[in-house]
């Protein structure tokens, strides 16, 4: 049986819920809800598990805060004996327009501290990451306030469709693989 670790990045605490930087948590919440299971507090994060056509998805929302996500990802990869090629990290991306999706199998952290920590802990940049565009509509020096800010009205209205599209992409990654998923979903 194939196992996959789907790790959504975000920060714990009510003050971060619904912020742009927590889109990884939001996408995983949607995926787990569609899988008709629920998250449970566990070691280094909230975890939910469900099966999809003979595959097991272990969904992780690290409780280590964004900048220390690597510890939780490494722990669950090791605990569940999941190969690196079956890891998908779900995160926000300032360099993509709002709602744009991009799957990559390797690359830099792009200035994202959560990805930077994962790369340091895993010792590689070769792992799949699913980026959700949050745009970059902020004044000079306003990046932190922007990523920790809430969605505007237009973004909130578009979110249900964008979340659905995101979970479809994650399911495609698990069932069809990276190439098919990139061809189908990147840029949409």
N, C-alpha and C. Protein backbone atom coordinates (compact mmCIF):
# COMPACT_ATOMS: atom_id res chain seq x y z
N UNK A 1 0.85 -1.19 0.00
CA UNK A 1 0.00 0.00 0.00
C UNK A 1 0.89 1.25 0.00
N UNK A 2 0.61 2.16 -0.88
CA UNK A 2 1.38 3.40 -0.97
C UNK A 2 0.88 4.41 0.05
N UNK A 3 1.85 5.04 0.74
CA UNK A 3 1.52 6.09 1.69
C UNK A 3 2.09 7.42 1.19
N UNK A 4 1.35 8.48 1.47
CA UNK A 4 1.76 9.83 1.11
C UNK A 4 1.63 10.73 2.33
N UNK A 5 2.62 11.62 2.51
CA UNK A 5 2.52 12.64 3.54
C UNK A 5 2.21 13.96 2.85
N UNK A 6 1.06 14.53 3.19
CA UNK A 6 0.65 15.83 2.67
C UNK A 6 0.76 16.80 3.83
N UNK A 7 1.76 17.68 3.77
CA UNK A 7 2.03 18.61 4.87
C UNK A 7 1.63 20.02 4.46
N UNK A 8 0.64 20.56 5.14
CA UNK A 8 0.20 21.93 4.89
C UNK A 8 0.88 22.86 5.88
N UNK A 9 1.51 23.92 5.38
CA UNK A 9 2.24 24.83 6.26
C UNK A 9 1.36 25.98 6.72
N UNK A 10 1.59 26.36 7.96
CA UNK A 10 0.87 27.48 8.56
C UNK A 10 1.38 27.72 9.96
N UNK A 11 0.77 28.65 10.63
CA UNK A 11 1.10 28.94 12.03
C UNK A 11 -0.09 28.59 12.89
N UNK A 12 0.19 28.01 14.06
CA UNK A 12 -0.89 27.63 14.97
C UNK A 12 -1.39 28.84 15.73
N UNK A 13 -2.62 28.77 16.17
CA UNK A 13 -3.21 29.84 16.97
C UNK A 13 -4.31 30.56 16.22
N UNK A 14 -5.32 30.96 16.97
CA UNK A 14 -6.50 31.62 16.39
C UNK A 14 -6.14 32.90 15.65
N UNK A 15 -5.10 33.61 16.11
CA UNK A 15 -4.74 34.88 15.47
C UNK A 15 -4.23 34.69 14.04
N UNK A 16 -3.82 33.46 13.69
CA UNK A 16 -3.31 33.20 12.34
C UNK A 16 -4.35 32.54 11.43
N UNK A 17 -5.44 32.06 12.00
CA UNK A 17 -6.46 31.38 11.20
C UNK A 17 -7.01 32.33 10.15
N UNK A 18 -7.12 31.84 8.94
CA UNK A 18 -7.69 32.65 7.86
C UNK A 18 -6.74 33.67 7.26
N UNK A 19 -5.45 33.59 7.60
CA UNK A 19 -4.48 34.52 7.00
C UNK A 19 -3.90 33.90 5.74
N UNK A 20 -3.33 34.75 4.91
CA UNK A 20 -2.73 34.27 3.66
C UNK A 20 -1.64 33.23 3.91
N UNK A 21 -0.82 33.45 4.93
CA UNK A 21 0.30 32.56 5.23
C UNK A 21 -0.18 31.18 5.66
N UNK A 22 -1.44 31.05 6.06
CA UNK A 22 -1.98 29.78 6.53
C UNK A 22 -2.78 29.04 5.47
N UNK A 23 -2.60 29.38 4.21
CA UNK A 23 -3.36 28.71 3.16
C UNK A 23 -3.06 27.20 3.13
N UNK A 24 -1.86 26.80 3.53
CA UNK A 24 -1.54 25.37 3.59
C UNK A 24 -2.45 24.64 4.56
N UNK A 25 -2.71 25.24 5.72
CA UNK A 25 -3.66 24.66 6.68
C UNK A 25 -5.07 24.64 6.08
N UNK A 26 -5.45 25.73 5.44
CA UNK A 26 -6.81 25.86 4.90
C UNK A 26 -7.07 24.81 3.82
N UNK A 27 -6.09 24.59 2.95
CA UNK A 27 -6.24 23.58 1.89
C UNK A 27 -6.34 22.19 2.51
N UNK A 28 -5.52 21.90 3.52
CA UNK A 28 -5.60 20.59 4.17
C UNK A 28 -6.92 20.41 4.92
N UNK A 29 -7.43 21.46 5.52
CA UNK A 29 -8.74 21.37 6.16
C UNK A 29 -9.80 20.94 5.14
N UNK A 30 -9.75 21.53 3.96
CA UNK A 30 -10.70 21.19 2.88
C UNK A 30 -10.51 19.74 2.44
N UNK A 31 -9.26 19.33 2.24
CA UNK A 31 -8.97 17.96 1.79
C UNK A 31 -9.46 16.93 2.80
N UNK A 32 -9.21 17.18 4.07
CA UNK A 32 -9.62 16.26 5.13
C UNK A 32 -11.14 16.22 5.26
N UNK A 33 -11.77 17.37 5.13
CA UNK A 33 -13.24 17.41 5.17
C UNK A 33 -13.82 16.60 4.02
N UNK A 34 -13.25 16.72 2.84
CA UNK A 34 -13.72 15.94 1.68
C UNK A 34 -13.47 14.45 1.89
N UNK A 35 -12.43 14.12 2.66
CA UNK A 35 -12.14 12.72 2.97
C UNK A 35 -12.99 12.18 4.10
N UNK A 36 -13.88 13.02 4.62
CA UNK A 36 -14.82 12.70 5.71
C UNK A 36 -14.12 12.14 6.95
N UNK A 37 -12.98 12.74 7.26
CA UNK A 37 -12.28 12.42 8.50
C UNK A 37 -12.03 13.74 9.23
N UNK A 38 -11.33 13.68 10.33
CA UNK A 38 -11.04 14.89 11.09
C UNK A 38 -9.61 14.85 11.60
N UNK A 39 -9.06 16.03 11.82
CA UNK A 39 -7.73 16.13 12.40
C UNK A 39 -7.78 15.79 13.88
N UNK A 40 -6.71 15.17 14.35
CA UNK A 40 -6.53 14.92 15.78
C UNK A 40 -5.15 15.41 16.18
N UNK A 41 -5.06 15.97 17.37
CA UNK A 41 -3.77 16.42 17.88
C UNK A 41 -2.88 15.20 18.06
N UNK A 42 -1.65 15.32 17.57
CA UNK A 42 -0.69 14.23 17.68
C UNK A 42 0.69 14.83 17.87
N UNK A 43 1.69 14.02 17.74
CA UNK A 43 3.06 14.49 17.96
C UNK A 43 3.46 15.49 16.88
N UNK A 44 3.86 16.67 17.26
CA UNK A 44 4.35 17.74 16.39
C UNK A 44 3.33 18.27 15.40
N UNK A 45 2.03 17.99 15.62
CA UNK A 45 1.04 18.56 14.73
C UNK A 45 -0.32 17.90 14.83
N UNK A 46 -1.24 18.42 14.05
CA UNK A 46 -2.55 17.81 13.89
C UNK A 46 -2.48 16.89 12.68
N UNK A 47 -3.01 15.68 12.82
CA UNK A 47 -2.88 14.66 11.79
C UNK A 47 -4.24 14.06 11.49
N UNK A 48 -4.48 13.81 10.20
CA UNK A 48 -5.67 13.08 9.75
C UNK A 48 -5.21 12.10 8.69
N UNK A 49 -5.90 10.97 8.64
CA UNK A 49 -5.51 9.94 7.69
C UNK A 49 -6.75 9.40 7.00
N UNK A 50 -6.66 9.22 5.68
CA UNK A 50 -7.74 8.56 4.96
C UNK A 50 -7.19 7.86 3.72
N UNK A 51 -8.00 6.98 3.18
CA UNK A 51 -7.60 6.20 2.01
C UNK A 51 -8.24 6.76 0.75
N UNK A 52 -7.48 6.66 -0.33
CA UNK A 52 -7.95 7.13 -1.64
C UNK A 52 -7.50 6.11 -2.68
N UNK A 53 -8.43 5.30 -3.15
CA UNK A 53 -8.16 4.30 -4.18
C UNK A 53 -6.90 3.49 -3.90
N UNK A 54 -6.83 2.90 -2.71
CA UNK A 54 -5.73 2.02 -2.36
C UNK A 54 -4.49 2.73 -1.84
N UNK A 55 -4.55 4.03 -1.73
CA UNK A 55 -3.42 4.80 -1.20
C UNK A 55 -3.84 5.42 0.13
N UNK A 56 -2.87 5.60 1.01
CA UNK A 56 -3.13 6.23 2.29
C UNK A 56 -2.55 7.62 2.29
N UNK A 57 -3.37 8.61 2.62
CA UNK A 57 -2.93 10.00 2.75
C UNK A 57 -2.85 10.33 4.23
N UNK A 58 -1.67 10.72 4.65
CA UNK A 58 -1.48 11.21 6.01
C UNK A 58 -1.31 12.71 5.89
N UNK A 59 -2.28 13.44 6.41
CA UNK A 59 -2.31 14.90 6.29
C UNK A 59 -1.80 15.49 7.60
N UNK A 60 -0.84 16.40 7.48
CA UNK A 60 -0.17 16.97 8.64
C UNK A 60 -0.23 18.49 8.62
N UNK A 61 -0.68 19.06 9.73
CA UNK A 61 -0.57 20.50 9.96
C UNK A 61 0.39 20.65 11.14
N UNK A 62 1.67 20.96 10.85
CA UNK A 62 2.65 21.03 11.94
C UNK A 62 2.27 22.04 13.01
N UNK A 63 2.56 21.68 14.26
CA UNK A 63 2.30 22.58 15.38
C UNK A 63 3.58 23.26 15.83
N UNK A 64 4.58 23.22 14.98
CA UNK A 64 5.92 23.74 15.30
C UNK A 64 6.12 25.17 14.83
N UNK A 65 5.08 25.81 14.33
CA UNK A 65 5.15 27.12 13.68
C UNK A 65 5.88 26.99 12.35
N UNK A 66 5.58 27.90 11.47
CA UNK A 66 6.06 27.86 10.09
C UNK A 66 7.56 27.65 9.99
N UNK A 67 8.32 28.41 10.75
CA UNK A 67 9.77 28.42 10.60
C UNK A 67 10.46 27.17 11.13
N UNK A 68 9.72 26.26 11.72
CA UNK A 68 10.28 25.01 12.24
C UNK A 68 9.50 23.80 11.72
N UNK A 69 8.95 23.92 10.54
CA UNK A 69 8.13 22.86 9.95
C UNK A 69 8.91 21.58 9.65
N UNK A 70 10.20 21.70 9.41
CA UNK A 70 11.02 20.55 9.02
C UNK A 70 11.01 19.43 10.05
N UNK A 71 11.03 19.78 11.32
CA UNK A 71 11.06 18.77 12.38
C UNK A 71 9.82 17.87 12.31
N UNK A 72 8.66 18.47 12.13
CA UNK A 72 7.42 17.69 12.05
C UNK A 72 7.38 16.85 10.78
N UNK A 73 7.78 17.43 9.67
CA UNK A 73 7.78 16.69 8.40
C UNK A 73 8.71 15.49 8.50
N UNK A 74 9.92 15.68 8.99
CA UNK A 74 10.89 14.58 9.13
C UNK A 74 10.34 13.50 10.05
N UNK A 75 9.76 13.89 11.19
CA UNK A 75 9.23 12.91 12.14
C UNK A 75 8.18 12.02 11.46
N UNK A 76 7.22 12.61 10.75
CA UNK A 76 6.13 11.82 10.16
C UNK A 76 6.59 11.02 8.96
N UNK A 77 7.55 11.52 8.19
CA UNK A 77 8.12 10.70 7.11
C UNK A 77 8.75 9.44 7.70
N UNK A 78 9.54 9.62 8.76
CA UNK A 78 10.23 8.49 9.38
C UNK A 78 9.24 7.55 10.07
N UNK A 79 8.32 8.11 10.86
CA UNK A 79 7.36 7.29 11.62
C UNK A 79 6.54 6.40 10.70
N UNK A 80 6.09 6.97 9.58
CA UNK A 80 5.21 6.23 8.67
C UNK A 80 5.96 5.54 7.53
N UNK A 81 7.31 5.68 7.54
CA UNK A 81 8.16 5.07 6.51
C UNK A 81 7.71 5.48 5.10
N UNK A 82 7.56 6.78 4.93
CA UNK A 82 7.11 7.34 3.65
C UNK A 82 8.33 7.81 2.87
N UNK A 83 8.49 7.36 1.63
CA UNK A 83 9.62 7.81 0.83
C UNK A 83 9.48 9.29 0.44
N UNK A 84 10.61 9.95 0.27
CA UNK A 84 10.63 11.38 -0.02
C UNK A 84 9.79 11.73 -1.25
N UNK A 85 9.75 10.84 -2.24
CA UNK A 85 8.97 11.14 -3.45
C UNK A 85 7.47 11.15 -3.20
N UNK A 86 7.04 10.67 -2.03
CA UNK A 86 5.62 10.69 -1.67
C UNK A 86 5.28 11.80 -0.68
N UNK A 87 6.18 12.77 -0.56
CA UNK A 87 5.93 13.95 0.27
C UNK A 87 5.43 15.08 -0.61
N UNK A 88 4.38 15.77 -0.16
CA UNK A 88 3.91 16.98 -0.82
C UNK A 88 3.71 18.05 0.25
N UNK A 89 4.43 19.15 0.10
CA UNK A 89 4.33 20.27 1.03
C UNK A 89 3.45 21.34 0.39
N UNK A 90 2.40 21.76 1.09
CA UNK A 90 1.43 22.73 0.59
C UNK A 90 1.68 24.07 1.28
N UNK A 91 1.91 25.11 0.48
CA UNK A 91 2.29 26.39 1.05
C UNK A 91 1.81 27.57 0.21
N UNK A 92 1.95 28.75 0.79
CA UNK A 92 1.62 30.00 0.10
C UNK A 92 2.81 30.44 -0.74
N UNK A 93 2.54 31.28 -1.76
CA UNK A 93 3.61 31.81 -2.59
C UNK A 93 3.29 33.24 -3.00
N UNK A 94 4.14 34.17 -2.55
CA UNK A 94 3.99 35.59 -2.89
C UNK A 94 4.25 35.88 -4.37
N UNK A 95 5.01 35.02 -5.02
CA UNK A 95 5.42 35.26 -6.40
C UNK A 95 4.40 34.80 -7.43
N UNK A 96 3.30 34.25 -6.98
CA UNK A 96 2.23 33.82 -7.89
C UNK A 96 1.00 34.68 -7.66
N UNK A 97 0.27 34.99 -8.73
CA UNK A 97 -0.98 35.75 -8.56
C UNK A 97 -1.97 34.97 -7.68
N UNK A 98 -2.86 35.70 -7.03
CA UNK A 98 -3.83 35.06 -6.14
C UNK A 98 -4.51 33.88 -6.82
N UNK A 99 -4.53 32.75 -6.11
CA UNK A 99 -5.26 31.58 -6.56
C UNK A 99 -4.57 30.74 -7.59
N UNK A 100 -3.45 31.19 -8.13
CA UNK A 100 -2.70 30.42 -9.10
C UNK A 100 -2.03 29.24 -8.41
N UNK A 101 -2.01 28.09 -9.06
CA UNK A 101 -1.46 26.88 -8.47
C UNK A 101 -0.20 26.45 -9.20
N UNK A 102 0.76 25.92 -8.45
CA UNK A 102 1.99 25.42 -9.08
C UNK A 102 2.57 24.28 -8.26
N UNK A 103 2.77 23.15 -8.94
CA UNK A 103 3.43 22.00 -8.35
C UNK A 103 4.83 21.93 -8.92
N UNK A 104 5.82 21.75 -8.04
CA UNK A 104 7.21 21.57 -8.45
C UNK A 104 7.79 20.40 -7.67
N UNK A 105 8.73 19.70 -8.29
CA UNK A 105 9.34 18.54 -7.64
C UNK A 105 10.66 18.87 -6.97
N UNK A 106 11.17 20.06 -7.20
CA UNK A 106 12.41 20.50 -6.55
C UNK A 106 12.54 21.99 -6.74
N UNK A 107 13.50 22.57 -6.08
CA UNK A 107 13.73 24.00 -6.27
C UNK A 107 14.15 24.67 -4.98
N UNK A 108 14.32 25.98 -5.09
CA UNK A 108 14.74 26.75 -3.92
C UNK A 108 13.55 26.97 -2.98
N UNK A 109 13.86 27.55 -1.84
CA UNK A 109 12.80 27.86 -0.89
C UNK A 109 12.05 29.12 -1.29
N UNK A 110 12.59 29.88 -2.25
CA UNK A 110 11.92 31.09 -2.72
C UNK A 110 11.73 32.14 -1.63
N UNK A 111 12.57 32.09 -0.60
CA UNK A 111 12.43 33.04 0.50
C UNK A 111 11.39 32.64 1.53
N UNK A 112 10.80 31.47 1.38
CA UNK A 112 9.78 30.99 2.30
C UNK A 112 10.45 30.26 3.46
N UNK A 113 10.28 30.78 4.67
CA UNK A 113 10.98 30.21 5.83
C UNK A 113 10.56 28.78 6.18
N UNK A 114 9.32 28.44 5.92
CA UNK A 114 8.88 27.06 6.16
C UNK A 114 9.59 26.09 5.24
N UNK A 115 9.66 26.43 3.95
CA UNK A 115 10.37 25.58 2.99
C UNK A 115 11.86 25.54 3.30
N UNK A 116 12.40 26.67 3.71
CA UNK A 116 13.83 26.74 4.05
C UNK A 116 14.14 25.76 5.18
N UNK A 117 13.31 25.71 6.21
CA UNK A 117 13.55 24.81 7.33
C UNK A 117 13.40 23.35 6.90
N UNK A 118 12.41 23.06 6.08
CA UNK A 118 12.22 21.68 5.59
C UNK A 118 13.45 21.24 4.81
N UNK A 119 13.95 22.10 3.93
CA UNK A 119 15.14 21.77 3.14
C UNK A 119 16.34 21.52 4.04
N UNK A 120 16.51 22.33 5.08
CA UNK A 120 17.64 22.15 5.99
C UNK A 120 17.53 20.83 6.75
N UNK A 121 16.34 20.52 7.25
CA UNK A 121 16.15 19.29 8.03
C UNK A 121 16.25 18.05 7.14
N UNK A 122 15.67 18.09 5.94
CA UNK A 122 15.72 16.94 5.05
C UNK A 122 17.05 16.82 4.33
N UNK A 123 17.79 17.92 4.26
CA UNK A 123 19.08 17.91 3.57
C UNK A 123 18.97 17.83 2.07
N UNK A 124 17.85 18.29 1.52
CA UNK A 124 17.65 18.25 0.07
C UNK A 124 16.61 19.29 -0.35
N UNK A 125 16.69 19.68 -1.61
CA UNK A 125 15.67 20.55 -2.21
C UNK A 125 14.78 19.74 -3.15
N UNK A 126 15.01 18.43 -3.19
CA UNK A 126 14.27 17.56 -4.10
C UNK A 126 13.11 16.89 -3.36
N UNK A 127 12.04 17.63 -3.24
CA UNK A 127 10.78 17.12 -2.71
C UNK A 127 9.68 17.96 -3.34
N UNK A 128 8.49 17.41 -3.45
CA UNK A 128 7.40 18.11 -4.13
C UNK A 128 6.78 19.15 -3.23
N UNK A 129 6.52 20.30 -3.84
CA UNK A 129 5.83 21.36 -3.12
C UNK A 129 4.72 21.90 -4.01
N UNK A 130 3.59 22.14 -3.37
CA UNK A 130 2.40 22.65 -4.04
C UNK A 130 2.19 24.07 -3.53
N UNK A 131 2.34 25.02 -4.43
CA UNK A 131 2.26 26.42 -4.04
C UNK A 131 0.93 27.04 -4.49
N UNK A 132 0.34 27.77 -3.57
CA UNK A 132 -0.90 28.49 -3.82
C UNK A 132 -0.56 29.97 -3.84
N UNK A 133 -0.82 30.64 -4.96
CA UNK A 133 -0.48 32.06 -5.09
C UNK A 133 -1.32 32.94 -4.19
N UNK A 134 -0.63 33.81 -3.45
CA UNK A 134 -1.34 34.78 -2.60
C UNK A 134 -1.16 36.19 -3.14
N UNK A 135 -0.42 36.33 -4.25
CA UNK A 135 -0.20 37.65 -4.82
C UNK A 135 0.80 38.45 -4.01
N UNK A 136 1.05 39.67 -4.48
CA UNK A 136 2.04 40.52 -3.79
C UNK A 136 1.60 41.98 -3.82
N UNK A 137 0.33 42.19 -3.55
CA UNK A 137 -0.26 43.52 -3.58
C UNK A 137 -0.08 44.23 -2.23
N UNK A 138 1.17 44.59 -1.95
CA UNK A 138 1.45 45.27 -0.69
C UNK A 138 2.51 46.35 -0.94
N UNK A 139 2.50 47.39 -0.11
CA UNK A 139 3.49 48.47 -0.28
C UNK A 139 4.88 48.00 0.17
N UNK A 140 5.89 48.70 -0.29
CA UNK A 140 7.27 48.40 0.09
C UNK A 140 7.38 48.33 1.62
N UNK A 141 7.98 47.25 2.10
CA UNK A 141 8.13 47.06 3.54
C UNK A 141 6.92 46.44 4.21
N UNK A 142 5.88 46.14 3.45
CA UNK A 142 4.64 45.63 4.03
C UNK A 142 4.42 44.14 3.87
N UNK A 143 5.47 43.40 3.54
CA UNK A 143 5.33 41.97 3.26
C UNK A 143 4.80 41.18 4.46
N UNK A 144 5.35 41.41 5.63
CA UNK A 144 4.93 40.65 6.81
C UNK A 144 3.45 40.89 7.11
N UNK A 145 3.03 42.15 7.11
CA UNK A 145 1.62 42.46 7.36
C UNK A 145 0.73 41.84 6.30
N UNK A 146 1.21 41.81 5.06
CA UNK A 146 0.42 41.24 3.96
C UNK A 146 0.23 39.73 4.14
N UNK A 147 1.33 38.98 4.34
CA UNK A 147 1.19 37.53 4.45
C UNK A 147 0.43 37.12 5.71
N UNK A 148 0.54 37.92 6.75
CA UNK A 148 -0.20 37.61 7.98
C UNK A 148 -1.57 38.28 8.01
N UNK A 149 -1.92 38.94 6.91
CA UNK A 149 -3.22 39.58 6.79
C UNK A 149 -4.29 38.63 6.28
N UNK A 150 -5.51 39.08 6.34
CA UNK A 150 -6.66 38.27 5.91
C UNK A 150 -6.97 38.52 4.44
N UNK A 151 -7.69 37.58 3.85
CA UNK A 151 -8.10 37.68 2.46
C UNK A 151 -9.03 38.86 2.27
N UNK A 152 -8.92 39.54 1.11
CA UNK A 152 -9.87 40.62 0.82
C UNK A 152 -11.19 40.02 0.34
N UNK A 153 -12.17 40.86 0.11
CA UNK A 153 -13.52 40.38 -0.25
C UNK A 153 -13.52 39.55 -1.53
N UNK A 154 -12.85 40.01 -2.57
CA UNK A 154 -12.81 39.28 -3.84
C UNK A 154 -12.13 37.92 -3.66
N UNK A 155 -11.06 37.89 -2.87
CA UNK A 155 -10.36 36.62 -2.62
C UNK A 155 -11.24 35.66 -1.83
N UNK A 156 -11.95 36.18 -0.84
CA UNK A 156 -12.85 35.32 -0.05
C UNK A 156 -13.94 34.70 -0.93
N UNK A 157 -14.46 35.48 -1.86
CA UNK A 157 -15.51 34.96 -2.76
C UNK A 157 -14.97 33.87 -3.68
N UNK A 158 -13.72 34.02 -4.11
CA UNK A 158 -13.10 33.04 -5.02
C UNK A 158 -12.59 31.80 -4.30
N UNK A 159 -12.45 31.89 -2.99
CA UNK A 159 -11.79 30.83 -2.22
C UNK A 159 -12.44 29.45 -2.33
N UNK A 160 -13.77 29.30 -2.25
CA UNK A 160 -14.33 27.94 -2.35
C UNK A 160 -13.90 27.20 -3.62
N UNK A 161 -13.94 27.88 -4.75
CA UNK A 161 -13.53 27.25 -6.01
C UNK A 161 -12.03 26.96 -6.02
N UNK A 162 -11.24 27.88 -5.50
CA UNK A 162 -9.77 27.71 -5.48
C UNK A 162 -9.37 26.56 -4.54
N UNK A 163 -10.07 26.44 -3.41
CA UNK A 163 -9.80 25.34 -2.49
C UNK A 163 -10.15 24.00 -3.13
N UNK A 164 -11.28 23.95 -3.83
CA UNK A 164 -11.69 22.72 -4.51
C UNK A 164 -10.67 22.34 -5.57
N UNK A 165 -10.22 23.31 -6.35
CA UNK A 165 -9.21 23.06 -7.38
C UNK A 165 -7.90 22.56 -6.74
N UNK A 166 -7.56 23.11 -5.60
CA UNK A 166 -6.34 22.70 -4.89
C UNK A 166 -6.43 21.25 -4.42
N UNK A 167 -7.56 20.86 -3.88
CA UNK A 167 -7.68 19.48 -3.41
C UNK A 167 -7.71 18.51 -4.60
N UNK A 168 -8.27 18.95 -5.72
CA UNK A 168 -8.22 18.12 -6.94
C UNK A 168 -6.78 17.90 -7.37
N UNK A 169 -5.96 18.93 -7.27
CA UNK A 169 -4.54 18.82 -7.64
C UNK A 169 -3.81 17.86 -6.70
N UNK A 170 -4.11 17.92 -5.41
CA UNK A 170 -3.46 17.02 -4.46
C UNK A 170 -3.86 15.58 -4.74
N UNK A 171 -5.12 15.35 -5.01
CA UNK A 171 -5.58 14.00 -5.35
C UNK A 171 -4.89 13.51 -6.63
N UNK A 172 -4.73 14.38 -7.59
CA UNK A 172 -4.04 14.03 -8.83
C UNK A 172 -2.59 13.65 -8.56
N UNK A 173 -1.92 14.40 -7.69
CA UNK A 173 -0.54 14.08 -7.31
C UNK A 173 -0.46 12.66 -6.76
N UNK A 174 -1.40 12.30 -5.91
CA UNK A 174 -1.41 10.97 -5.28
C UNK A 174 -1.75 9.88 -6.29
N UNK A 175 -2.72 10.13 -7.16
CA UNK A 175 -3.23 9.09 -8.06
C UNK A 175 -2.53 9.04 -9.42
N UNK A 176 -2.19 10.21 -9.97
CA UNK A 176 -1.66 10.26 -11.34
C UNK A 176 -0.18 10.61 -11.42
N UNK A 177 0.39 11.11 -10.33
CA UNK A 177 1.80 11.46 -10.33
C UNK A 177 2.07 12.91 -10.65
N UNK A 178 3.35 13.27 -10.56
CA UNK A 178 3.73 14.68 -10.69
C UNK A 178 3.58 15.23 -12.10
N UNK A 179 4.02 14.50 -13.11
CA UNK A 179 3.98 15.04 -14.48
C UNK A 179 2.56 15.37 -14.91
N UNK A 180 1.66 14.43 -14.74
CA UNK A 180 0.27 14.66 -15.13
C UNK A 180 -0.32 15.82 -14.34
N UNK A 181 -0.03 15.87 -13.04
CA UNK A 181 -0.57 16.93 -12.20
C UNK A 181 -0.03 18.29 -12.62
N UNK A 182 1.26 18.37 -12.89
CA UNK A 182 1.83 19.65 -13.32
C UNK A 182 1.20 20.10 -14.64
N UNK A 183 1.05 19.18 -15.58
CA UNK A 183 0.46 19.53 -16.88
C UNK A 183 -0.99 19.97 -16.76
N UNK A 184 -1.70 19.39 -15.83
CA UNK A 184 -3.13 19.69 -15.67
C UNK A 184 -3.39 20.94 -14.85
N UNK A 185 -2.61 21.15 -13.79
CA UNK A 185 -2.97 22.18 -12.80
C UNK A 185 -2.07 23.39 -12.75
N UNK A 186 -0.81 23.28 -13.17
CA UNK A 186 0.08 24.43 -13.04
C UNK A 186 -0.43 25.62 -13.82
N UNK A 187 -0.51 26.76 -13.13
CA UNK A 187 -0.96 28.00 -13.76
C UNK A 187 -2.45 28.20 -13.75
N UNK A 188 -3.21 27.20 -13.27
CA UNK A 188 -4.68 27.33 -13.28
C UNK A 188 -5.17 27.95 -11.99
